[in-house]
N, C-alpha and C. Protein backbone atom coordinates (compact mmCIF):
# COMPACT_ATOMS: atom_id res chain seq x y z
N MET A 1 0.84 -1.18 0.00
CA MET A 1 0.00 0.00 0.00
C MET A 1 0.89 1.24 0.00
N PHE A 2 1.13 1.85 1.16
CA PHE A 2 2.00 3.01 1.25
C PHE A 2 3.35 2.60 1.83
N LYS A 3 4.43 3.07 1.19
CA LYS A 3 5.77 2.78 1.68
C LYS A 3 6.37 3.98 2.42
N ARG A 4 5.96 5.19 1.99
CA ARG A 4 6.52 6.40 2.59
C ARG A 4 5.42 7.45 2.68
N ILE A 5 5.17 7.94 3.90
CA ILE A 5 4.14 8.95 4.15
C ILE A 5 4.83 10.23 4.59
N LEU A 6 4.53 11.32 3.90
CA LEU A 6 5.09 12.63 4.22
C LEU A 6 4.09 13.44 5.02
N VAL A 7 4.55 14.02 6.13
CA VAL A 7 3.71 14.89 6.95
C VAL A 7 4.42 16.24 7.10
N PRO A 8 3.97 17.27 6.39
CA PRO A 8 4.52 18.61 6.60
C PRO A 8 4.03 19.15 7.95
N VAL A 9 4.94 19.65 8.76
CA VAL A 9 4.57 20.16 10.08
C VAL A 9 5.07 21.59 10.24
N ASP A 10 4.22 22.43 10.84
CA ASP A 10 4.59 23.82 11.06
C ASP A 10 4.33 24.28 12.49
N GLY A 11 4.02 23.35 13.36
CA GLY A 11 3.77 23.71 14.76
C GLY A 11 2.33 24.04 15.05
N SER A 12 1.46 24.01 14.05
CA SER A 12 0.05 24.36 14.25
C SER A 12 -0.74 23.17 14.76
N GLU A 13 -1.93 23.44 15.26
CA GLU A 13 -2.83 22.38 15.71
C GLU A 13 -3.26 21.50 14.54
N GLY A 14 -3.47 22.11 13.37
CA GLY A 14 -3.84 21.34 12.19
C GLY A 14 -2.75 20.34 11.80
N ALA A 15 -1.51 20.76 11.88
CA ALA A 15 -0.40 19.85 11.56
C ALA A 15 -0.31 18.72 12.58
N LEU A 16 -0.60 19.03 13.83
CA LEU A 16 -0.58 18.00 14.87
C LEU A 16 -1.68 16.97 14.64
N ARG A 17 -2.86 17.43 14.23
CA ARG A 17 -3.95 16.49 13.91
C ARG A 17 -3.55 15.60 12.74
N ALA A 18 -2.94 16.18 11.72
CA ALA A 18 -2.49 15.40 10.57
C ALA A 18 -1.43 14.39 10.98
N LEU A 19 -0.54 14.79 11.88
CA LEU A 19 0.50 13.88 12.35
C LEU A 19 -0.10 12.70 13.11
N ARG A 20 -1.12 12.97 13.93
CA ARG A 20 -1.81 11.88 14.64
C ARG A 20 -2.37 10.85 13.66
N VAL A 21 -3.03 11.34 12.62
CA VAL A 21 -3.61 10.46 11.60
C VAL A 21 -2.51 9.67 10.89
N ALA A 22 -1.42 10.34 10.54
CA ALA A 22 -0.33 9.68 9.83
C ALA A 22 0.32 8.60 10.70
N VAL A 23 0.46 8.85 11.99
CA VAL A 23 1.03 7.84 12.89
C VAL A 23 0.13 6.61 12.93
N GLU A 24 -1.18 6.82 13.00
CA GLU A 24 -2.11 5.68 13.01
C GLU A 24 -2.04 4.92 11.67
N MET A 25 -1.90 5.66 10.58
CA MET A 25 -1.76 5.01 9.27
C MET A 25 -0.46 4.21 9.20
N GLN A 26 0.60 4.75 9.79
CA GLN A 26 1.88 4.04 9.78
C GLN A 26 1.77 2.72 10.53
N LYS A 27 1.05 2.74 11.63
CA LYS A 27 0.87 1.50 12.41
C LYS A 27 0.19 0.43 11.57
N LEU A 28 -0.74 0.82 10.71
CA LEU A 28 -1.46 -0.13 9.88
C LEU A 28 -0.66 -0.58 8.66
N THR A 29 0.10 0.33 8.07
CA THR A 29 0.78 0.04 6.81
C THR A 29 2.26 -0.28 6.95
N LYS A 30 2.85 0.05 8.11
CA LYS A 30 4.29 -0.13 8.35
C LYS A 30 5.14 0.74 7.42
N ALA A 31 4.56 1.82 6.92
CA ALA A 31 5.27 2.75 6.04
C ALA A 31 6.28 3.56 6.83
N GLU A 32 7.25 4.10 6.12
CA GLU A 32 8.18 5.05 6.74
C GLU A 32 7.46 6.38 6.87
N LEU A 33 7.62 7.04 8.00
CA LEU A 33 7.00 8.34 8.23
C LEU A 33 8.08 9.41 8.07
N VAL A 34 7.82 10.38 7.21
CA VAL A 34 8.79 11.44 6.93
C VAL A 34 8.14 12.78 7.31
N LEU A 35 8.78 13.50 8.22
CA LEU A 35 8.29 14.82 8.63
C LEU A 35 9.09 15.89 7.90
N LEU A 36 8.42 16.95 7.50
CA LEU A 36 9.08 18.05 6.81
C LEU A 36 8.59 19.37 7.36
N THR A 37 9.53 20.20 7.78
CA THR A 37 9.22 21.56 8.20
C THR A 37 9.86 22.50 7.19
N VAL A 38 9.07 23.40 6.63
CA VAL A 38 9.55 24.34 5.62
C VAL A 38 9.56 25.73 6.23
N PHE A 39 10.68 26.43 6.08
CA PHE A 39 10.72 27.83 6.53
C PHE A 39 10.97 28.72 5.33
N ARG A 40 10.37 29.89 5.38
CA ARG A 40 10.52 30.84 4.28
C ARG A 40 11.89 31.51 4.36
N HIS A 41 12.52 31.61 3.20
CA HIS A 41 13.78 32.34 3.08
C HIS A 41 13.50 33.82 3.30
N HIS A 42 14.31 34.47 4.10
CA HIS A 42 14.16 35.90 4.38
C HIS A 42 15.23 36.64 3.59
N SER A 43 14.82 37.42 2.63
CA SER A 43 15.80 38.09 1.76
C SER A 43 16.41 39.31 2.44
N LEU A 44 17.56 39.71 1.96
CA LEU A 44 18.22 40.91 2.47
C LEU A 44 17.37 42.15 2.18
N LEU A 45 16.63 42.14 1.08
CA LEU A 45 15.75 43.26 0.76
C LEU A 45 14.69 43.42 1.84
N GLU A 46 14.06 42.29 2.24
CA GLU A 46 13.06 42.35 3.31
C GLU A 46 13.69 42.86 4.60
N ALA A 47 14.88 42.41 4.90
CA ALA A 47 15.55 42.84 6.12
C ALA A 47 15.85 44.33 6.08
N SER A 48 16.24 44.85 4.89
CA SER A 48 16.58 46.26 4.79
C SER A 48 15.36 47.15 4.95
N MET A 49 14.16 46.61 4.69
CA MET A 49 12.93 47.38 4.84
C MET A 49 12.36 47.32 6.24
N SER A 50 12.94 46.50 7.08
CA SER A 50 12.41 46.33 8.43
C SER A 50 12.61 47.59 9.24
N MET A 51 11.61 47.92 10.06
CA MET A 51 11.70 49.08 10.94
C MET A 51 12.49 48.73 12.20
N VAL A 52 12.66 47.44 12.46
CA VAL A 52 13.37 47.01 13.66
C VAL A 52 14.86 46.96 13.35
N ARG A 53 15.64 47.60 14.17
CA ARG A 53 17.09 47.61 14.00
C ARG A 53 17.75 47.12 15.28
N PRO A 54 17.96 45.80 15.39
CA PRO A 54 18.59 45.27 16.59
C PRO A 54 20.04 45.72 16.69
N THR A 55 20.55 45.78 17.92
CA THR A 55 21.94 46.20 18.10
C THR A 55 22.90 45.14 17.60
N GLU A 56 22.52 43.87 17.72
CA GLU A 56 23.34 42.78 17.20
C GLU A 56 22.50 41.99 16.19
N PRO A 57 22.54 42.41 14.94
CA PRO A 57 21.68 41.74 13.96
C PRO A 57 22.10 40.29 13.73
N GLU A 58 21.11 39.41 13.71
CA GLU A 58 21.35 38.01 13.40
C GLU A 58 20.90 37.75 11.98
N ASN A 59 21.44 36.72 11.40
CA ASN A 59 20.98 36.29 10.10
C ASN A 59 19.59 35.69 10.30
N LEU A 60 18.57 36.32 9.73
CA LEU A 60 17.20 35.89 9.96
C LEU A 60 16.95 34.47 9.44
N ASP A 61 17.63 34.09 8.36
CA ASP A 61 17.50 32.71 7.87
C ASP A 61 17.93 31.71 8.94
N ASP A 62 19.01 32.03 9.67
CA ASP A 62 19.48 31.13 10.72
C ASP A 62 18.46 31.04 11.86
N VAL A 63 17.83 32.15 12.18
CA VAL A 63 16.81 32.16 13.23
C VAL A 63 15.61 31.32 12.80
N LEU A 64 15.15 31.52 11.57
CA LEU A 64 14.01 30.77 11.05
C LEU A 64 14.33 29.28 10.94
N ARG A 65 15.55 28.96 10.49
CA ARG A 65 15.97 27.56 10.40
C ARG A 65 16.00 26.92 11.79
N GLY A 66 16.49 27.66 12.77
CA GLY A 66 16.53 27.15 14.15
C GLY A 66 15.14 26.87 14.68
N TYR A 67 14.22 27.77 14.43
CA TYR A 67 12.84 27.55 14.87
C TYR A 67 12.24 26.34 14.15
N ALA A 68 12.49 26.23 12.85
CA ALA A 68 11.97 25.10 12.08
C ALA A 68 12.52 23.78 12.63
N ARG A 69 13.78 23.77 13.02
CA ARG A 69 14.36 22.55 13.63
C ARG A 69 13.65 22.18 14.92
N GLU A 70 13.33 23.20 15.73
CA GLU A 70 12.60 22.95 16.97
C GLU A 70 11.22 22.34 16.68
N VAL A 71 10.53 22.90 15.68
CA VAL A 71 9.22 22.38 15.30
C VAL A 71 9.34 20.93 14.84
N ALA A 72 10.34 20.64 14.01
CA ALA A 72 10.54 19.27 13.51
C ALA A 72 10.86 18.32 14.66
N GLU A 73 11.69 18.74 15.59
CA GLU A 73 12.05 17.87 16.72
C GLU A 73 10.85 17.60 17.63
N GLU A 74 10.04 18.63 17.87
CA GLU A 74 8.84 18.44 18.68
C GLU A 74 7.86 17.48 18.00
N ALA A 75 7.71 17.62 16.69
CA ALA A 75 6.83 16.73 15.94
C ALA A 75 7.36 15.30 15.98
N LYS A 76 8.66 15.15 15.84
CA LYS A 76 9.28 13.82 15.90
C LYS A 76 9.06 13.19 17.27
N LYS A 77 9.26 13.97 18.31
CA LYS A 77 9.04 13.49 19.68
C LYS A 77 7.59 13.06 19.87
N PHE A 78 6.66 13.87 19.40
CA PHE A 78 5.23 13.56 19.51
C PHE A 78 4.92 12.24 18.79
N ALA A 79 5.43 12.09 17.57
CA ALA A 79 5.16 10.88 16.79
C ALA A 79 5.71 9.65 17.50
N LEU A 80 6.93 9.74 18.03
CA LEU A 80 7.53 8.61 18.73
C LEU A 80 6.74 8.26 19.99
N GLU A 81 6.29 9.27 20.71
CA GLU A 81 5.50 9.03 21.92
C GLU A 81 4.16 8.38 21.61
N ASN A 82 3.68 8.56 20.38
CA ASN A 82 2.39 8.00 19.98
C ASN A 82 2.52 6.72 19.17
N GLY A 83 3.71 6.12 19.18
CA GLY A 83 3.87 4.80 18.60
C GLY A 83 4.50 4.72 17.23
N ALA A 84 4.97 5.83 16.66
CA ALA A 84 5.64 5.78 15.36
C ALA A 84 6.99 5.08 15.53
N ASP A 85 7.43 4.42 14.47
CA ASP A 85 8.75 3.81 14.56
C ASP A 85 9.67 4.30 13.43
N LYS A 86 9.51 3.83 12.21
CA LYS A 86 10.39 4.28 11.12
C LYS A 86 10.07 5.75 10.84
N LEU A 87 10.98 6.62 11.25
CA LEU A 87 10.67 8.05 11.26
C LEU A 87 11.92 8.88 10.98
N ARG A 88 11.78 9.85 10.07
CA ARG A 88 12.85 10.80 9.80
C ARG A 88 12.24 12.20 9.73
N ALA A 89 13.03 13.21 10.07
CA ALA A 89 12.55 14.59 10.01
C ALA A 89 13.54 15.44 9.23
N PHE A 90 13.00 16.35 8.42
CA PHE A 90 13.81 17.23 7.59
C PHE A 90 13.35 18.67 7.75
N VAL A 91 14.27 19.61 7.52
CA VAL A 91 13.97 21.03 7.51
C VAL A 91 14.50 21.59 6.19
N LYS A 92 13.64 22.30 5.47
CA LYS A 92 14.03 22.85 4.16
C LYS A 92 13.56 24.30 4.05
N PRO A 93 14.34 25.15 3.37
CA PRO A 93 13.89 26.51 3.09
C PRO A 93 13.06 26.54 1.82
N GLY A 94 12.18 27.52 1.70
CA GLY A 94 11.47 27.71 0.45
C GLY A 94 10.01 28.07 0.64
N GLN A 95 9.33 28.17 -0.48
CA GLN A 95 7.89 28.43 -0.48
C GLN A 95 7.22 27.12 -0.08
N PRO A 96 6.38 27.14 0.96
CA PRO A 96 5.89 25.89 1.54
C PRO A 96 5.28 24.88 0.56
N ALA A 97 4.29 25.24 -0.20
CA ALA A 97 3.60 24.26 -1.06
C ALA A 97 4.55 23.66 -2.09
N ARG A 98 5.27 24.49 -2.78
CA ARG A 98 6.18 23.99 -3.82
C ARG A 98 7.31 23.15 -3.22
N THR A 99 7.80 23.54 -2.06
CA THR A 99 8.86 22.78 -1.41
C THR A 99 8.34 21.41 -0.97
N ILE A 100 7.13 21.36 -0.46
CA ILE A 100 6.52 20.09 -0.04
C ILE A 100 6.38 19.16 -1.24
N VAL A 101 5.85 19.68 -2.33
CA VAL A 101 5.64 18.86 -3.53
C VAL A 101 6.97 18.39 -4.11
N ARG A 102 7.94 19.27 -4.20
CA ARG A 102 9.27 18.90 -4.72
C ARG A 102 9.90 17.83 -3.84
N PHE A 103 9.82 18.01 -2.53
CA PHE A 103 10.38 17.05 -1.58
C PHE A 103 9.70 15.69 -1.75
N ALA A 104 8.39 15.69 -1.92
CA ALA A 104 7.64 14.44 -2.09
C ALA A 104 8.11 13.69 -3.33
N LYS A 105 8.35 14.40 -4.41
CA LYS A 105 8.84 13.76 -5.64
C LYS A 105 10.25 13.21 -5.43
N GLU A 106 11.13 14.04 -4.85
CA GLU A 106 12.52 13.63 -4.66
C GLU A 106 12.66 12.41 -3.75
N HIS A 107 11.77 12.27 -2.78
CA HIS A 107 11.85 11.19 -1.80
C HIS A 107 10.85 10.06 -2.07
N GLU A 108 10.26 10.08 -3.27
CA GLU A 108 9.33 9.03 -3.70
C GLU A 108 8.26 8.73 -2.65
N VAL A 109 7.59 9.80 -2.24
CA VAL A 109 6.52 9.70 -1.24
C VAL A 109 5.26 9.14 -1.89
N ASP A 110 4.58 8.24 -1.20
CA ASP A 110 3.35 7.63 -1.70
C ASP A 110 2.10 8.38 -1.26
N LEU A 111 2.20 9.13 -0.17
CA LEU A 111 1.05 9.84 0.39
C LEU A 111 1.54 11.05 1.17
N ILE A 112 0.85 12.17 1.02
CA ILE A 112 1.11 13.36 1.82
C ILE A 112 -0.10 13.56 2.73
N VAL A 113 0.15 13.69 4.03
CA VAL A 113 -0.92 13.94 5.00
C VAL A 113 -0.63 15.30 5.62
N LEU A 114 -1.53 16.26 5.45
CA LEU A 114 -1.29 17.59 6.01
C LEU A 114 -2.56 18.21 6.56
N GLY A 115 -2.36 19.17 7.44
CA GLY A 115 -3.48 19.87 8.05
C GLY A 115 -4.15 20.80 7.07
N SER A 116 -5.44 21.03 7.29
CA SER A 116 -6.18 21.91 6.38
C SER A 116 -5.82 23.38 6.58
N ARG A 117 -5.43 23.73 7.77
CA ARG A 117 -4.99 25.11 8.05
C ARG A 117 -3.79 25.06 8.96
N GLY A 118 -2.75 25.77 8.56
CA GLY A 118 -1.55 25.82 9.38
C GLY A 118 -1.34 27.21 9.93
N LEU A 119 -0.10 27.61 9.96
CA LEU A 119 0.25 28.93 10.47
C LEU A 119 0.44 29.93 9.33
N GLY A 120 -0.34 29.76 8.25
CA GLY A 120 -0.23 30.63 7.09
C GLY A 120 -0.55 32.08 7.43
N ASP A 121 -0.11 32.97 6.56
CA ASP A 121 -0.33 34.39 6.78
C ASP A 121 -1.41 34.91 5.83
N LEU A 122 -1.43 36.19 5.64
CA LEU A 122 -2.42 36.81 4.76
C LEU A 122 -2.37 36.23 3.35
N GLU A 123 -1.18 35.83 2.91
CA GLU A 123 -1.03 35.24 1.58
C GLU A 123 -1.96 34.04 1.40
N GLY A 124 -2.12 33.27 2.46
CA GLY A 124 -2.99 32.10 2.39
C GLY A 124 -4.43 32.47 2.08
N TYR A 125 -4.88 33.58 2.62
CA TYR A 125 -6.25 34.02 2.35
C TYR A 125 -6.40 34.58 0.94
N LEU A 126 -5.36 35.23 0.46
CA LEU A 126 -5.44 35.86 -0.86
C LEU A 126 -5.16 34.89 -1.99
N LEU A 127 -4.19 34.00 -1.82
CA LEU A 127 -3.75 33.14 -2.90
C LEU A 127 -4.14 31.68 -2.71
N GLY A 128 -4.71 31.33 -1.59
CA GLY A 128 -5.08 29.94 -1.33
C GLY A 128 -4.14 29.32 -0.31
N SER A 129 -4.67 28.41 0.47
CA SER A 129 -3.88 27.80 1.54
C SER A 129 -2.84 26.85 0.98
N VAL A 130 -1.87 26.53 1.82
CA VAL A 130 -0.82 25.58 1.45
C VAL A 130 -1.45 24.24 1.10
N SER A 131 -2.41 23.80 1.91
CA SER A 131 -3.04 22.50 1.63
C SER A 131 -3.73 22.50 0.27
N HIS A 132 -4.37 23.59 -0.09
CA HIS A 132 -5.03 23.68 -1.39
C HIS A 132 -4.00 23.61 -2.51
N LYS A 133 -2.90 24.33 -2.36
CA LYS A 133 -1.85 24.32 -3.39
C LYS A 133 -1.22 22.94 -3.52
N VAL A 134 -0.96 22.29 -2.38
CA VAL A 134 -0.33 20.96 -2.43
C VAL A 134 -1.25 19.98 -3.14
N THR A 135 -2.54 20.02 -2.84
CA THR A 135 -3.47 19.09 -3.51
C THR A 135 -3.51 19.36 -5.01
N SER A 136 -3.29 20.59 -5.41
CA SER A 136 -3.31 20.93 -6.83
C SER A 136 -2.03 20.52 -7.55
N LEU A 137 -0.90 20.57 -6.85
CA LEU A 137 0.40 20.35 -7.50
C LEU A 137 0.96 18.94 -7.33
N ALA A 138 0.56 18.23 -6.31
CA ALA A 138 1.16 16.92 -6.00
C ALA A 138 0.78 15.86 -7.03
N THR A 139 1.72 14.97 -7.30
CA THR A 139 1.45 13.86 -8.22
C THR A 139 1.08 12.60 -7.45
N CYS A 140 1.20 12.61 -6.14
CA CYS A 140 0.80 11.46 -5.32
C CYS A 140 -0.48 11.84 -4.57
N PRO A 141 -1.15 10.87 -3.97
CA PRO A 141 -2.37 11.18 -3.19
C PRO A 141 -2.05 12.12 -2.02
N VAL A 142 -3.01 12.98 -1.71
CA VAL A 142 -2.89 13.93 -0.59
C VAL A 142 -4.11 13.77 0.29
N MET A 143 -3.87 13.62 1.59
CA MET A 143 -4.98 13.56 2.56
C MET A 143 -4.91 14.84 3.38
N VAL A 144 -5.98 15.61 3.34
CA VAL A 144 -6.06 16.85 4.12
C VAL A 144 -6.91 16.56 5.35
N VAL A 145 -6.32 16.79 6.52
CA VAL A 145 -6.99 16.50 7.79
C VAL A 145 -7.48 17.79 8.40
């Protein structure tokens, strides 16, 4: 049936619900569970327009990557505590929907399980949610929880 299940996680309640479902599916199918946290690249142009000027500026990409790692580790811990076994977690930069779909193709994912609403911003309301975009672009089955 399914050999590899991808669960994009962003720390939201919707992602946690999707992860619960994916863990239960893994128990039934013995598939490998793959977690993916995507963080948006922060350009120097965006940083130059910021009104906030810290005394010790950090590379915002490093801060976002660090937060994404924390989200991935928490999701991994949750999955293990709920009975997941074959499990890997990844953190990637990029536009969420396209990065999820590209990652799914590269890792030969059989199913993507994701939350219907995550931590999207105004863009999600104007251009469509990540889950909607993933269902439109993915070549494998997508389950929206």
